[in-house]
Amino acid sequence: MTEDDYHRYIAAFNARDYAGLEAFFTDDFVLENAGFAVRGKPAFRAFYAFFHAFCREEVEFRGFFPGQDGFVANVVIHFTGLQELSQQQLDERGYSGMTPIPVGMTVPVEFYIHYKLNADGLVYHIKGAVWIPETQS
C-alpha cells in the first residue's frame, strides 16, 4: 500500500464505505484495538455497524511511514457521540477497553497505527497505539 492508497483508505473510512475499506484487507485480517481484537471481514462489519451507530469517527491524516513489512500511519481520529452509549453496552459486546463518548461531544485522539501487509500488499494485521500528550502544568 502506498501513501496515495492510504489516502483512499482514509476517504473510504470517513465515508463509511466498508466495502471500499475491505478491498484493502485479507479475508482473515485482524484489527487489535483497546484491548480486544476483531478478526475477519464479517466481524469488522459487525463491529463498525454497532460502533458507528453511536459514534462518528473522522480520520485526519498526519503522516505515513513505510517499513519492511508494512507501514505506520499517524492520524488523529475525531470521535463524536451520536447516541447514548454506556460502558455496560461496550463491556457486554467485549469492547471493555473503549470509552463511551457523550452525545454531541467530539474528542480528538492521536494514534500511531501499524499496518502489516502480505506479499500482495493487502493488510492482514492492524494494531494501534494511542498517543497521550504531555500534561500541561
N, C-alpha and C. Protein backbone atom coordinates (compact mmCIF):
# COMPACT_ATOMS: atom_id res chain seq x y z
N MET A 1 0.85 -1.17 0.00
CA MET A 1 0.00 0.00 0.00
C MET A 1 0.89 1.24 0.00
N THR A 2 0.60 2.14 -0.87
CA THR A 2 1.34 3.39 -0.95
C THR A 2 0.64 4.46 -0.10
N GLU A 3 1.29 5.60 0.05
CA GLU A 3 0.65 6.70 0.76
C GLU A 3 -0.62 7.16 0.04
N ASP A 4 -0.58 7.19 -1.30
CA ASP A 4 -1.78 7.55 -2.06
C ASP A 4 -2.91 6.56 -1.79
N ASP A 5 -2.58 5.25 -1.74
CA ASP A 5 -3.58 4.24 -1.40
C ASP A 5 -4.16 4.51 -0.01
N TYR A 6 -3.30 4.90 0.92
CA TYR A 6 -3.75 5.14 2.28
C TYR A 6 -4.72 6.33 2.34
N HIS A 7 -4.47 7.33 1.54
CA HIS A 7 -5.41 8.45 1.48
C HIS A 7 -6.78 7.98 0.96
N ARG A 8 -6.78 7.05 0.01
CA ARG A 8 -8.05 6.47 -0.46
C ARG A 8 -8.71 5.65 0.65
N TYR A 9 -7.90 4.94 1.41
CA TYR A 9 -8.39 4.17 2.56
C TYR A 9 -9.07 5.10 3.57
N ILE A 10 -8.41 6.21 3.91
CA ILE A 10 -9.00 7.17 4.85
C ILE A 10 -10.30 7.73 4.30
N ALA A 11 -10.32 8.06 3.02
CA ALA A 11 -11.55 8.60 2.41
C ALA A 11 -12.68 7.58 2.51
N ALA A 12 -12.38 6.30 2.27
CA ALA A 12 -13.40 5.25 2.40
C ALA A 12 -13.86 5.13 3.85
N PHE A 13 -12.93 5.19 4.79
CA PHE A 13 -13.29 5.10 6.20
C PHE A 13 -14.20 6.26 6.60
N ASN A 14 -13.80 7.47 6.24
CA ASN A 14 -14.58 8.65 6.61
C ASN A 14 -15.97 8.65 5.97
N ALA A 15 -16.09 8.01 4.81
CA ALA A 15 -17.39 7.90 4.13
C ALA A 15 -18.20 6.69 4.60
N ARG A 16 -17.62 5.91 5.52
CA ARG A 16 -18.23 4.67 5.99
C ARG A 16 -18.49 3.70 4.83
N ASP A 17 -17.57 3.70 3.90
CA ASP A 17 -17.61 2.80 2.74
C ASP A 17 -16.89 1.51 3.13
N TYR A 18 -17.58 0.64 3.85
CA TYR A 18 -16.96 -0.57 4.37
C TYR A 18 -16.50 -1.51 3.27
N ALA A 19 -17.26 -1.62 2.20
CA ALA A 19 -16.85 -2.46 1.07
C ALA A 19 -15.56 -1.91 0.47
N GLY A 20 -15.45 -0.61 0.35
CA GLY A 20 -14.23 0.01 -0.15
C GLY A 20 -13.05 -0.25 0.77
N LEU A 21 -13.27 -0.19 2.06
CA LEU A 21 -12.22 -0.48 3.03
C LEU A 21 -11.77 -1.93 2.94
N GLU A 22 -12.74 -2.83 2.83
CA GLU A 22 -12.42 -4.25 2.83
C GLU A 22 -11.58 -4.65 1.62
N ALA A 23 -11.58 -3.85 0.57
CA ALA A 23 -10.73 -4.14 -0.59
C ALA A 23 -9.25 -4.06 -0.24
N PHE A 24 -8.93 -3.38 0.86
CA PHE A 24 -7.54 -3.26 1.31
C PHE A 24 -7.11 -4.39 2.23
N PHE A 25 -8.05 -5.26 2.66
CA PHE A 25 -7.80 -6.27 3.68
C PHE A 25 -7.79 -7.68 3.11
N THR A 26 -7.02 -8.57 3.77
CA THR A 26 -7.18 -10.00 3.53
C THR A 26 -8.51 -10.42 4.17
N ASP A 27 -9.04 -11.56 3.78
CA ASP A 27 -10.33 -12.00 4.34
C ASP A 27 -10.26 -12.23 5.84
N ASP A 28 -9.10 -12.66 6.34
CA ASP A 28 -8.96 -13.02 7.74
C ASP A 28 -8.12 -12.02 8.54
N PHE A 29 -8.09 -10.76 8.08
CA PHE A 29 -7.26 -9.77 8.76
C PHE A 29 -7.72 -9.59 10.21
N VAL A 30 -6.81 -9.04 11.03
CA VAL A 30 -7.08 -8.81 12.45
C VAL A 30 -6.88 -7.33 12.75
N LEU A 31 -7.84 -6.75 13.45
CA LEU A 31 -7.76 -5.38 13.96
C LEU A 31 -7.70 -5.46 15.47
N GLU A 32 -6.56 -5.06 16.05
CA GLU A 32 -6.42 -5.02 17.51
C GLU A 32 -6.61 -3.58 17.95
N ASN A 33 -7.49 -3.40 18.94
CA ASN A 33 -7.81 -2.05 19.38
C ASN A 33 -8.33 -2.08 20.80
N ALA A 34 -7.79 -1.25 21.65
CA ALA A 34 -8.32 -1.03 23.00
C ALA A 34 -8.54 -2.33 23.78
N GLY A 35 -7.62 -3.27 23.63
CA GLY A 35 -7.69 -4.50 24.42
C GLY A 35 -8.58 -5.59 23.86
N PHE A 36 -9.08 -5.45 22.64
CA PHE A 36 -9.87 -6.51 22.02
C PHE A 36 -9.42 -6.66 20.57
N ALA A 37 -9.86 -7.73 19.93
CA ALA A 37 -9.49 -7.97 18.53
C ALA A 37 -10.75 -8.27 17.72
N VAL A 38 -10.77 -7.74 16.51
CA VAL A 38 -11.80 -8.02 15.52
C VAL A 38 -11.11 -8.86 14.45
N ARG A 39 -11.65 -10.05 14.18
CA ARG A 39 -10.99 -10.99 13.26
C ARG A 39 -11.87 -11.26 12.05
N GLY A 40 -11.40 -10.83 10.89
CA GLY A 40 -12.08 -11.10 9.64
C GLY A 40 -13.08 -10.03 9.25
N LYS A 41 -13.42 -10.04 7.96
CA LYS A 41 -14.31 -9.03 7.41
C LYS A 41 -15.71 -9.03 8.03
N PRO A 42 -16.34 -10.20 8.27
CA PRO A 42 -17.67 -10.16 8.89
C PRO A 42 -17.65 -9.52 10.29
N ALA A 43 -16.64 -9.84 11.10
CA ALA A 43 -16.54 -9.25 12.43
C ALA A 43 -16.25 -7.76 12.35
N PHE A 44 -15.46 -7.36 11.36
CA PHE A 44 -15.16 -5.94 11.13
C PHE A 44 -16.45 -5.18 10.85
N ARG A 45 -17.27 -5.71 9.95
CA ARG A 45 -18.54 -5.05 9.62
C ARG A 45 -19.47 -5.01 10.83
N ALA A 46 -19.53 -6.09 11.58
CA ALA A 46 -20.40 -6.13 12.76
C ALA A 46 -19.95 -5.10 13.80
N PHE A 47 -18.64 -5.02 14.03
CA PHE A 47 -18.12 -4.06 15.00
C PHE A 47 -18.50 -2.63 14.58
N TYR A 48 -18.21 -2.27 13.34
CA TYR A 48 -18.47 -0.89 12.92
C TYR A 48 -19.96 -0.60 12.74
N ALA A 49 -20.77 -1.59 12.39
CA ALA A 49 -22.21 -1.38 12.34
C ALA A 49 -22.72 -0.99 13.73
N PHE A 50 -22.19 -1.65 14.74
CA PHE A 50 -22.54 -1.32 16.13
C PHE A 50 -21.97 0.04 16.52
N PHE A 51 -20.66 0.19 16.43
CA PHE A 51 -20.00 1.37 16.97
C PHE A 51 -20.40 2.65 16.25
N HIS A 52 -20.49 2.60 14.94
CA HIS A 52 -20.83 3.82 14.19
C HIS A 52 -22.29 4.22 14.33
N ALA A 53 -23.12 3.38 14.91
CA ALA A 53 -24.48 3.80 15.25
C ALA A 53 -24.45 4.78 16.43
N PHE A 54 -23.40 4.70 17.24
CA PHE A 54 -23.28 5.52 18.44
C PHE A 54 -22.26 6.64 18.32
N CYS A 55 -21.30 6.47 17.43
CA CYS A 55 -20.17 7.38 17.39
C CYS A 55 -19.69 7.59 15.96
N ARG A 56 -19.52 8.83 15.57
CA ARG A 56 -18.94 9.18 14.27
C ARG A 56 -17.43 9.27 14.44
N GLU A 57 -16.70 8.66 13.51
CA GLU A 57 -15.24 8.77 13.51
C GLU A 57 -14.82 9.49 12.23
N GLU A 58 -13.98 10.48 12.38
CA GLU A 58 -13.43 11.21 11.24
C GLU A 58 -11.91 11.17 11.39
N VAL A 59 -11.24 10.58 10.39
CA VAL A 59 -9.79 10.40 10.45
C VAL A 59 -9.11 11.58 9.76
N GLU A 60 -8.15 12.14 10.46
CA GLU A 60 -7.32 13.23 9.93
C GLU A 60 -5.89 12.70 9.76
N PHE A 61 -5.38 12.77 8.56
CA PHE A 61 -4.04 12.26 8.24
C PHE A 61 -2.96 13.17 8.81
N ARG A 62 -1.91 12.56 9.38
CA ARG A 62 -0.75 13.31 9.87
C ARG A 62 0.56 12.84 9.25
N GLY A 63 0.68 11.52 8.99
CA GLY A 63 1.93 11.03 8.45
C GLY A 63 1.86 9.58 8.03
N PHE A 64 2.77 9.20 7.14
CA PHE A 64 2.84 7.84 6.60
C PHE A 64 4.31 7.43 6.62
N PHE A 65 4.62 6.31 7.28
CA PHE A 65 5.99 5.88 7.48
C PHE A 65 6.14 4.44 7.00
N PRO A 66 6.60 4.23 5.74
CA PRO A 66 6.73 2.88 5.20
C PRO A 66 7.84 2.10 5.90
N GLY A 67 7.65 0.78 5.96
CA GLY A 67 8.63 -0.11 6.56
C GLY A 67 8.77 -1.36 5.72
N GLN A 68 9.47 -2.36 6.25
CA GLN A 68 9.74 -3.58 5.50
C GLN A 68 8.51 -4.46 5.32
N ASP A 69 7.66 -4.56 6.35
CA ASP A 69 6.52 -5.47 6.26
C ASP A 69 5.18 -4.72 6.28
N GLY A 70 5.22 -3.43 6.06
CA GLY A 70 4.00 -2.63 6.08
C GLY A 70 4.33 -1.17 6.28
N PHE A 71 3.54 -0.51 7.10
CA PHE A 71 3.77 0.91 7.36
C PHE A 71 3.10 1.31 8.66
N VAL A 72 3.49 2.47 9.15
CA VAL A 72 2.86 3.08 10.30
C VAL A 72 2.23 4.38 9.83
N ALA A 73 1.01 4.63 10.25
CA ALA A 73 0.33 5.88 9.94
C ALA A 73 0.11 6.65 11.23
N ASN A 74 0.31 7.94 11.17
CA ASN A 74 0.00 8.83 12.28
C ASN A 74 -1.28 9.56 11.89
N VAL A 75 -2.32 9.38 12.68
CA VAL A 75 -3.62 10.00 12.41
C VAL A 75 -4.20 10.57 13.71
N VAL A 76 -5.09 11.51 13.56
CA VAL A 76 -5.93 11.94 14.66
C VAL A 76 -7.34 11.52 14.29
N ILE A 77 -7.98 10.77 15.18
CA ILE A 77 -9.36 10.37 14.95
C ILE A 77 -10.24 11.24 15.84
N HIS A 78 -11.19 11.89 15.21
CA HIS A 78 -12.14 12.74 15.92
C HIS A 78 -13.40 11.89 16.16
N PHE A 79 -13.65 11.55 17.42
CA PHE A 79 -14.80 10.75 17.82
C PHE A 79 -15.91 11.70 18.27
N THR A 80 -17.10 11.57 17.67
CA THR A 80 -18.24 12.41 18.04
C THR A 80 -19.39 11.51 18.47
N GLY A 81 -19.90 11.74 19.68
CA GLY A 81 -21.02 10.96 20.19
C GLY A 81 -22.30 11.29 19.45
N LEU A 82 -22.98 10.25 18.94
CA LEU A 82 -24.23 10.42 18.19
C LEU A 82 -25.45 9.99 19.00
N GLN A 83 -25.31 8.89 19.75
CA GLN A 83 -26.38 8.35 20.59
C GLN A 83 -25.75 7.94 21.91
N GLU A 84 -26.60 7.85 22.92
CA GLU A 84 -26.15 7.43 24.25
C GLU A 84 -25.58 6.01 24.16
N LEU A 85 -24.38 5.84 24.67
CA LEU A 85 -23.70 4.54 24.71
C LEU A 85 -23.10 4.39 26.09
N SER A 86 -23.40 3.28 26.74
CA SER A 86 -22.90 3.08 28.10
C SER A 86 -21.67 2.16 28.09
N GLN A 87 -20.92 2.25 29.16
CA GLN A 87 -19.79 1.35 29.33
C GLN A 87 -20.28 -0.09 29.41
N GLN A 88 -21.45 -0.29 30.01
CA GLN A 88 -22.03 -1.64 30.11
C GLN A 88 -22.29 -2.21 28.72
N GLN A 89 -22.82 -1.41 27.80
CA GLN A 89 -23.07 -1.89 26.43
C GLN A 89 -21.76 -2.31 25.77
N LEU A 90 -20.72 -1.51 25.96
CA LEU A 90 -19.42 -1.85 25.40
C LEU A 90 -18.87 -3.14 26.02
N ASP A 91 -18.96 -3.22 27.33
CA ASP A 91 -18.46 -4.40 28.04
C ASP A 91 -19.18 -5.67 27.60
N GLU A 92 -20.51 -5.59 27.44
CA GLU A 92 -21.30 -6.75 27.05
C GLU A 92 -20.91 -7.28 25.68
N ARG A 93 -20.41 -6.43 24.81
CA ARG A 93 -20.00 -6.84 23.47
C ARG A 93 -18.51 -7.20 23.40
N GLY A 94 -17.82 -7.10 24.54
CA GLY A 94 -16.40 -7.45 24.57
C GLY A 94 -15.49 -6.29 24.21
N TYR A 95 -15.99 -5.07 24.25
CA TYR A 95 -15.20 -3.88 23.89
C TYR A 95 -14.90 -3.05 25.13
N SER A 96 -14.54 -3.71 26.22
CA SER A 96 -14.38 -3.03 27.51
C SER A 96 -13.24 -2.02 27.53
N GLY A 97 -12.31 -2.10 26.59
CA GLY A 97 -11.22 -1.13 26.55
C GLY A 97 -11.61 0.20 25.95
N MET A 98 -12.81 0.27 25.39
CA MET A 98 -13.27 1.51 24.77
C MET A 98 -13.98 2.37 25.81
N THR A 99 -14.06 3.67 25.52
CA THR A 99 -14.72 4.62 26.39
C THR A 99 -15.86 5.29 25.63
N PRO A 100 -17.07 5.33 26.20
CA PRO A 100 -18.17 5.99 25.50
C PRO A 100 -17.90 7.50 25.36
N ILE A 101 -18.37 8.06 24.26
CA ILE A 101 -18.27 9.49 24.01
C ILE A 101 -19.66 10.09 24.24
N PRO A 102 -19.78 11.10 25.09
CA PRO A 102 -21.10 11.70 25.32
C PRO A 102 -21.70 12.27 24.03
N VAL A 103 -23.02 12.20 23.93
CA VAL A 103 -23.72 12.71 22.75
C VAL A 103 -23.38 14.18 22.55
N GLY A 104 -23.02 14.51 21.31
CA GLY A 104 -22.72 15.89 20.95
C GLY A 104 -21.29 16.32 21.22
N MET A 105 -20.53 15.52 21.95
CA MET A 105 -19.14 15.86 22.25
C MET A 105 -18.21 15.26 21.19
N THR A 106 -17.17 16.01 20.80
CA THR A 106 -16.14 15.49 19.90
C THR A 106 -14.82 15.45 20.66
N VAL A 107 -14.17 14.29 20.58
CA VAL A 107 -12.90 14.09 21.27
C VAL A 107 -11.86 13.68 20.23
N PRO A 108 -10.80 14.50 20.04
CA PRO A 108 -9.73 14.10 19.13
C PRO A 108 -8.70 13.22 19.86
N VAL A 109 -8.32 12.12 19.22
CA VAL A 109 -7.34 11.20 19.81
C VAL A 109 -6.29 10.89 18.75
N GLU A 110 -5.02 11.09 19.11
CA GLU A 110 -3.93 10.81 18.17
C GLU A 110 -3.50 9.36 18.28
N PHE A 111 -3.30 8.72 17.12
CA PHE A 111 -2.90 7.32 17.04
C PHE A 111 -1.68 7.17 16.15
N TYR A 112 -0.87 6.16 16.46
CA TYR A 112 0.12 5.61 15.54
C TYR A 112 -0.37 4.20 15.28
N ILE A 113 -0.67 3.89 14.03
CA ILE A 113 -1.27 2.62 13.68
C ILE A 113 -0.33 1.84 12.78
N HIS A 114 -0.02 0.61 13.18
CA HIS A 114 0.86 -0.26 12.40
C HIS A 114 0.01 -1.18 11.53
N TYR A 115 0.21 -1.09 10.24
CA TYR A 115 -0.49 -1.94 9.27
C TYR A 115 0.53 -2.92 8.70
N LYS A 116 0.29 -4.22 8.89
CA LYS A 116 1.16 -5.24 8.31
C LYS A 116 0.54 -5.71 7.01
N LEU A 117 1.38 -5.84 5.97
CA LEU A 117 0.92 -6.20 4.63
C LEU A 117 1.43 -7.58 4.24
N ASN A 118 0.61 -8.30 3.48
CA ASN A 118 1.07 -9.57 2.93
C ASN A 118 1.81 -9.32 1.61
N ALA A 119 2.23 -10.39 0.95
CA ALA A 119 3.01 -10.27 -0.29
C ALA A 119 2.22 -9.58 -1.41
N ASP A 120 0.89 -9.62 -1.34
CA ASP A 120 0.05 -8.96 -2.34
C ASP A 120 -0.25 -7.51 -2.00
N GLY A 121 0.28 -7.02 -0.88
CA GLY A 121 0.07 -5.64 -0.48
C GLY A 121 -1.24 -5.41 0.26
N LEU A 122 -1.89 -6.50 0.70
CA LEU A 122 -3.14 -6.38 1.45
C LEU A 122 -2.85 -6.38 2.95
N VAL A 123 -3.64 -5.64 3.69
CA VAL A 123 -3.49 -5.56 5.14
C VAL A 123 -3.98 -6.86 5.78
N TYR A 124 -3.10 -7.47 6.59
CA TYR A 124 -3.52 -8.66 7.33
C TYR A 124 -3.54 -8.43 8.84
N HIS A 125 -2.97 -7.31 9.30
CA HIS A 125 -2.97 -7.02 10.73
C HIS A 125 -2.88 -5.52 10.95
N ILE A 126 -3.72 -5.02 11.86
CA ILE A 126 -3.73 -3.61 12.23
C ILE A 126 -3.65 -3.53 13.75
N LYS A 127 -2.74 -2.70 14.23
CA LYS A 127 -2.62 -2.53 15.68
C LYS A 127 -2.28 -1.07 15.95
N GLY A 128 -3.06 -0.45 16.81
CA GLY A 128 -2.87 0.97 17.07
C GLY A 128 -2.30 1.24 18.44
N ALA A 129 -1.58 2.36 18.52
CA ALA A 129 -1.09 2.88 19.79
C ALA A 129 -1.61 4.30 19.93
N VAL A 130 -2.12 4.61 21.10
CA VAL A 130 -2.68 5.93 21.36
C VAL A 130 -1.58 6.81 21.93
N TRP A 131 -1.47 8.00 21.37
CA TRP A 131 -0.51 8.98 21.85
C TRP A 131 -1.16 9.77 22.96
N ILE A 132 -0.58 9.76 24.14
CA ILE A 132 -1.07 10.56 25.25
C ILE A 132 -0.14 11.75 25.40
N PRO A 133 -0.64 12.95 25.10
CA PRO A 133 0.24 14.11 25.12
C PRO A 133 0.73 14.44 26.53
N GLU A 134 1.83 15.15 26.58
CA GLU A 134 2.38 15.59 27.85
C GLU A 134 1.37 16.49 28.55
N THR A 135 1.24 16.29 29.84
CA THR A 135 0.31 17.11 30.63
C THR A 135 0.89 18.51 30.81
N GLN A 136 0.06 19.50 30.57
CA GLN A 136 0.47 20.89 30.77
C GLN A 136 0.35 21.24 32.26
N SER A 137 1.39 21.88 32.81
CA SER A 137 1.34 22.29 34.24
C SER A 137 1.10 23.76 34.35
